[in-house]
Protein backbone atom coordinates (compact mmCIF):
# COMPACT_ATOMS: atom_id res chain seq x y z
CA MET A 1 0.00 0.00 0.00
CA SER A 2 1.33 3.45 -0.80
CA PRO A 3 0.21 7.02 -0.06
CA SER A 4 -3.00 7.91 -1.86
CA LEU A 5 -2.66 10.10 -4.92
CA SER A 6 -3.75 13.70 -4.46
CA SER A 7 -5.70 15.62 -7.04
CA MET A 8 -3.58 18.65 -6.16
CA GLN A 9 -0.47 19.54 -8.11
CA PRO A 10 2.79 18.52 -6.41
CA ASP A 11 4.03 22.10 -6.17
CA HIS A 12 0.86 23.13 -4.35
CA ARG A 13 1.24 20.24 -1.90
CA ALA A 14 4.86 21.26 -1.33
CA HIS A 15 3.69 24.81 -0.63
CA LEU A 16 1.34 23.51 2.09
CA LYS A 17 4.16 21.48 3.63
CA GLN A 18 6.33 24.57 3.67
CA GLN A 19 3.58 26.61 5.35
CA ALA A 20 3.14 23.98 8.08
CA ALA A 21 6.87 23.64 8.76
CA GLU A 22 7.54 27.37 8.85
CA TYR A 23 4.60 27.88 11.21
CA ALA A 24 6.13 25.27 13.53
CA VAL A 25 9.44 27.16 13.54
CA ARG A 26 7.65 30.06 15.26
CA PHE A 27 7.86 28.12 18.53
CA ILE A 28 11.66 28.03 18.55
CA GLN A 29 13.31 30.54 20.87
CA SER A 30 16.92 31.59 21.14
CA GLY A 31 19.01 29.26 23.29
CA MET A 32 16.99 26.13 22.46
CA ARG A 33 18.26 22.63 21.64
CA VAL A 34 16.26 21.69 18.55
CA GLY A 35 15.62 18.33 16.90
CA LEU A 36 15.72 18.51 13.10
CA GLY A 37 13.43 16.03 11.38
CA THR A 38 13.87 14.06 8.17
CA GLY A 39 11.79 14.37 5.00
CA SER A 40 10.49 17.06 2.71
CA THR A 41 8.31 18.84 5.27
CA ALA A 42 10.94 18.86 8.01
CA TYR A 43 13.57 20.14 5.58
CA PHE A 44 11.48 23.26 4.95
CA GLY A 45 11.66 23.85 8.70
CA THR A 46 15.41 23.31 8.81
CA ARG A 47 15.98 25.84 6.03
CA ARG A 48 13.78 28.38 7.84
CA ILE A 49 15.72 27.89 11.09
CA ALA A 50 18.96 28.43 9.20
CA GLN A 51 17.63 31.65 7.69
CA LEU A 52 16.56 32.99 11.09
CA ILE A 53 20.00 32.17 12.52
CA HIS A 54 21.67 33.89 9.56
CA ASP A 55 19.47 36.97 10.05
CA GLY A 56 20.33 37.14 13.75
CA ILE A 57 16.73 36.53 14.87
CA LEU A 58 17.54 33.18 16.50
CA LYS A 59 20.72 32.98 18.58
CA ASP A 60 22.54 30.17 20.40
CA ILE A 61 20.56 27.44 18.65
CA ILE A 62 22.01 23.93 18.71
CA GLY A 63 20.47 21.37 16.33
CA PHE A 64 20.31 17.60 16.48
CA PRO A 65 19.37 15.97 13.13
CA THR A 66 17.47 12.70 12.88
CA SER A 67 19.35 11.24 9.90
CA LYS A 68 22.53 11.55 7.86
CA ALA A 69 20.61 13.43 5.19
CA ALA A 70 19.19 15.87 7.76
CA TRP A 71 22.69 16.24 9.23
CA GLN A 72 24.14 17.16 5.84
CA LEU A 73 21.40 19.72 5.18
CA ALA A 74 21.87 21.32 8.61
CA GLU A 75 25.65 21.51 8.21
CA GLU A 76 25.37 23.00 4.72
CA SER A 77 22.83 25.51 6.04
CA GLY A 78 25.12 26.68 8.83
CA ILE A 79 23.14 25.39 11.84
CA PRO A 80 25.41 24.60 14.83
CA LEU A 81 25.03 20.92 15.77
CA MET A 82 25.26 18.87 18.92
CA ASN A 83 27.45 15.76 18.66
CA ASP A 84 25.68 12.49 17.88
CA SER A 85 25.85 11.17 21.45
CA MET A 86 23.17 13.77 22.32
CA PRO A 87 24.78 15.08 25.53
CA GLU A 88 21.65 17.09 26.34
CA ASN A 89 17.93 16.48 25.91
CA LEU A 90 16.09 18.65 23.41
CA ASP A 91 13.65 21.48 24.00
CA LEU A 92 11.71 21.06 20.78
CA THR A 93 11.70 18.92 17.64
CA ILE A 94 10.06 19.69 14.29
CA ASP A 95 9.29 16.69 12.11
CA GLY A 96 6.75 15.44 9.60
CA ALA A 97 4.56 12.33 9.39
CA ASP A 98 3.09 10.01 6.78
CA GLU A 99 -0.25 9.55 8.57
CA VAL A 100 -1.87 11.15 11.62
CA ASP A 101 -4.95 9.78 13.39
CA PRO A 102 -7.44 11.77 15.53
CA ASN A 103 -5.46 10.94 18.70
CA LEU A 104 -2.28 12.40 17.15
CA ASN A 105 -0.71 8.96 16.81
CA LEU A 106 1.49 8.69 13.73
CA ILE A 107 2.92 6.49 11.05
CA LYS A 108 6.42 7.70 10.22
CA GLY A 109 9.34 6.29 8.30
CA GLY A 110 8.65 7.05 4.66
CA GLY A 111 12.10 8.64 4.56
CA GLY A 112 13.70 5.64 6.23
CA ALA A 113 14.76 7.40 9.46
CA LEU A 114 12.11 5.98 11.82
CA PHE A 115 14.54 4.47 14.35
CA ARG A 116 16.53 7.66 14.81
CA GLU A 117 13.43 9.85 14.62
CA LYS A 118 11.89 7.94 17.52
CA ILE A 119 15.06 8.25 19.62
CA VAL A 120 14.95 12.00 19.10
CA ALA A 121 11.19 12.21 19.75
CA GLN A 122 11.58 10.41 23.07
CA ALA A 123 14.38 12.79 24.10
CA THR A 124 12.51 16.00 23.32
CA ARG A 125 10.24 18.03 25.58
CA ARG A 126 7.96 19.17 22.77
CA GLU A 127 7.46 17.16 19.57
CA ILE A 128 5.86 19.35 16.90
CA ILE A 129 4.58 17.49 13.84
CA ALA A 130 3.95 19.55 10.71
CA VAL A 131 1.82 18.10 7.89
CA ASP A 132 -0.38 19.06 4.99
CA ASP A 133 -3.99 17.96 5.38
CA SER A 134 -3.61 14.93 3.09
CA LYS A 135 -1.81 13.17 5.97
CA LEU A 136 -4.90 13.07 8.20
CA THR A 137 -6.68 9.72 8.48
CA PRO A 138 -9.42 8.26 10.68
CA VAL A 139 -7.40 5.06 11.24
CA LEU A 140 -3.66 4.50 10.81
CA GLY A 141 -2.73 2.22 7.94
CA THR A 142 -5.57 3.46 5.74
CA HIS A 143 -3.36 5.13 3.15
CA PHE A 144 0.23 4.30 4.10
CA SER A 145 2.15 1.11 4.78
CA LEU A 146 3.84 0.75 8.15
CA PRO A 147 7.65 0.82 7.92
CA VAL A 148 9.41 -1.73 10.14
CA GLU A 149 13.20 -1.60 10.52
CA VAL A 150 14.69 -5.08 10.80
CA SER A 151 18.14 -6.51 11.44
CA PRO A 152 19.52 -8.25 8.34
CA PHE A 153 20.37 -11.24 10.55
CA ALA A 154 17.61 -13.88 10.17
CA TRP A 155 15.43 -11.32 8.40
CA GLN A 156 13.13 -13.95 6.91
CA SER A 157 12.00 -14.92 10.41
CA GLN A 158 10.84 -11.32 10.92
CA MET A 159 9.00 -11.42 7.62
CA ARG A 160 7.14 -14.56 8.72
CA PHE A 161 6.37 -12.93 12.08
CA LEU A 162 4.92 -9.84 10.41
CA GLU A 163 2.82 -12.03 8.12
CA SER A 164 1.47 -13.81 11.20
CA LEU A 165 0.19 -10.42 12.42
CA GLY A 166 -1.79 -9.93 9.22
CA ALA A 167 0.73 -7.78 7.35
CA THR A 168 1.93 -8.04 3.79
CA PRO A 169 5.59 -7.00 4.15
CA LYS A 170 7.75 -5.90 1.23
CA ILE A 171 11.46 -5.22 1.37
CA ARG A 172 12.01 -1.55 0.58
CA ILE A 173 13.78 -1.02 -2.73
CA GLU A 174 15.03 2.37 -3.94
CA ASP A 175 16.62 3.02 -7.31
CA GLY A 176 16.67 -0.71 -8.00
CA THR A 177 18.63 -1.67 -4.89
CA GLN A 178 17.69 -2.69 -1.36
CA PHE A 179 17.32 0.30 0.95
CA ILE A 180 19.72 0.32 3.91
CA THR A 181 19.04 2.59 6.88
CA ASP A 182 21.62 4.88 8.48
CA SER A 183 22.07 2.16 11.12
CA GLY A 184 22.70 -0.56 8.52
CA ASN A 185 19.32 -2.26 8.68
CA MET A 186 16.56 -3.30 6.26
CA ILE A 187 13.07 -1.81 6.07
CA PHE A 188 9.91 -3.80 5.43
CA ASP A 189 6.98 -1.69 4.26
CA CYS A 190 4.05 -3.57 5.78
CA ALA A 191 0.54 -3.25 4.41
CA PHE A 192 -1.73 -3.92 7.37
CA PRO A 193 -5.50 -3.82 7.53
CA PRO A 194 -6.49 -0.49 9.14
CA ILE A 195 -4.76 -0.43 12.53
CA THR A 196 -7.59 -0.02 15.03
CA ASN A 197 -5.38 -0.61 18.08
CA PRO A 198 -2.03 1.00 17.29
CA SER A 199 -0.81 0.83 20.89
CA ALA A 200 -1.21 -2.94 21.01
CA LEU A 201 0.50 -3.43 17.65
CA ALA A 202 3.33 -1.12 18.69
CA ALA A 203 3.90 -3.13 21.87
CA THR A 204 3.92 -6.41 19.93
CA LEU A 205 6.45 -5.13 17.42
CA SER A 206 8.66 -3.56 20.08
CA ALA A 207 8.86 -6.85 21.99
CA ARG A 208 10.17 -8.83 19.01
CA ALA A 209 13.92 -9.49 18.86
CA GLY A 210 15.26 -8.56 15.44
CA ILE A 211 12.83 -5.70 14.93
CA ILE A 212 14.97 -2.62 15.48
CA GLY A 213 12.13 -0.13 15.25
CA HIS A 214 8.74 0.56 13.75
CA GLY A 215 6.93 3.58 12.39
CA LEU A 216 4.13 3.71 14.95
CA PHE A 217 4.67 6.82 17.07
CA ILE A 218 2.22 6.53 19.95
CA GLY A 219 1.70 9.34 22.45
CA LEU A 220 4.79 11.28 21.35
CA THR A 221 3.17 14.22 19.54
CA SER A 222 2.62 17.32 21.68
CA ASP A 223 1.61 19.65 18.84
CA LEU A 224 0.21 19.11 15.34
CA ILE A 225 0.38 21.82 12.68
CA ILE A 226 -1.90 21.18 9.69
CA ALA A 227 -1.76 23.26 6.50
CA GLY A 228 -4.65 23.15 4.04
CA ASP A 229 -6.33 25.33 1.46
CA ASN A 230 -8.27 27.18 4.18
CA GLY A 231 -5.19 27.99 6.27
CA ILE A 232 -3.26 26.52 9.18
CA ARG A 233 -4.66 24.72 12.20
CA HIS A 234 -2.68 24.13 15.41
CA LEU A 235 -3.71 21.28 17.71
CA GLN A 236 -2.07 20.64 21.07
CA LYS A 237 -2.25 17.54 23.25
CA ASN A 238 -2.33 17.67 27.04
CA GLY A 239 -2.67 14.20 28.52
CA ALA A 240 -5.63 12.57 26.80
CA ASP A 241 -7.12 15.91 25.72
CA ILE A 242 -6.52 17.59 22.36
CA PHE A 243 -7.19 21.30 21.99
CA ASP A 244 -7.54 23.64 19.04
CA VAL A 245 -4.96 26.26 19.96
CA ALA A 246 -5.14 28.43 16.87
CA VAL A 247 -6.52 28.66 13.37
CA GLU A 248 -4.84 30.97 10.89
CA ARG A 249 -7.00 31.54 7.81
CA SER A 250 -5.38 31.95 4.42
C-alpha cells in the first residue's frame, strides 16, 4: 500500500508542507536545543531555522538531526550541531509524518529514518509534527504502509512474524537496490489492515527481537500543525485531551 494520490499539483502540496513547517518554527526561541526532522516537510523547517539564525533573529541554537541526510542539510545551512551522542535532551523537535490519526498517533518512516526519529522524539520536551492535510486519516494504515526496521540477521524470520500479524511485508527497494538505513538495517513496508489498536501493535512489534524499530509513534506528539487550502490549524495535546490552539486563515 502506498500514499493515496492527491488531485492537487505537487508544487501546491509542497507549498502547504512549507507553510506547516515554517509555522512550527515560530515556537523556537533563542538558546533552544532543537531536533531537526527528516523528510520534505521537516527540511522546509530546517531551512527556515537556518535563515533565522543567519538573520540574527535566532541565537545560540544547537540542532540535532534525525538522519545523515538531515545532518548534511543542517551543516550545509550553517546550523550549529550537537554531537551524535546527544549530551543534552532537546527542547523542541520539528518533524513530519506520513499519517496522523485523531489521537495524534502517527505512522512515520517514509524517509527511512524511523529508528533515529523515535530516539529524538523520546528525548525532546515538545514534539511538533507539521503536515499538509492529506496526511490526516481516521485510522492508521488506511493510506500508508507501516515501515518496520529489521536486522539483516535472520530477516526472513521477521517477515514470517509480520505475516502472522496480518501484514503483507515488502522489502524496501530504492533506485533498483535494497534500501539500507543509516544504522545498517533493512526496512519492510508492511501493508496492514487499518490499525484499530495502534498501541497494542506497537507493543507487539517492540517486543520482538530482530525488529529494530517501527513507524508507529504513539503518544509522542505534543503539537500538530496542519496546513490546508483554508489555512493553518494548530492542535495541542495535554494528557488525553486535544485542543484547538489556533486557526490561521489563508
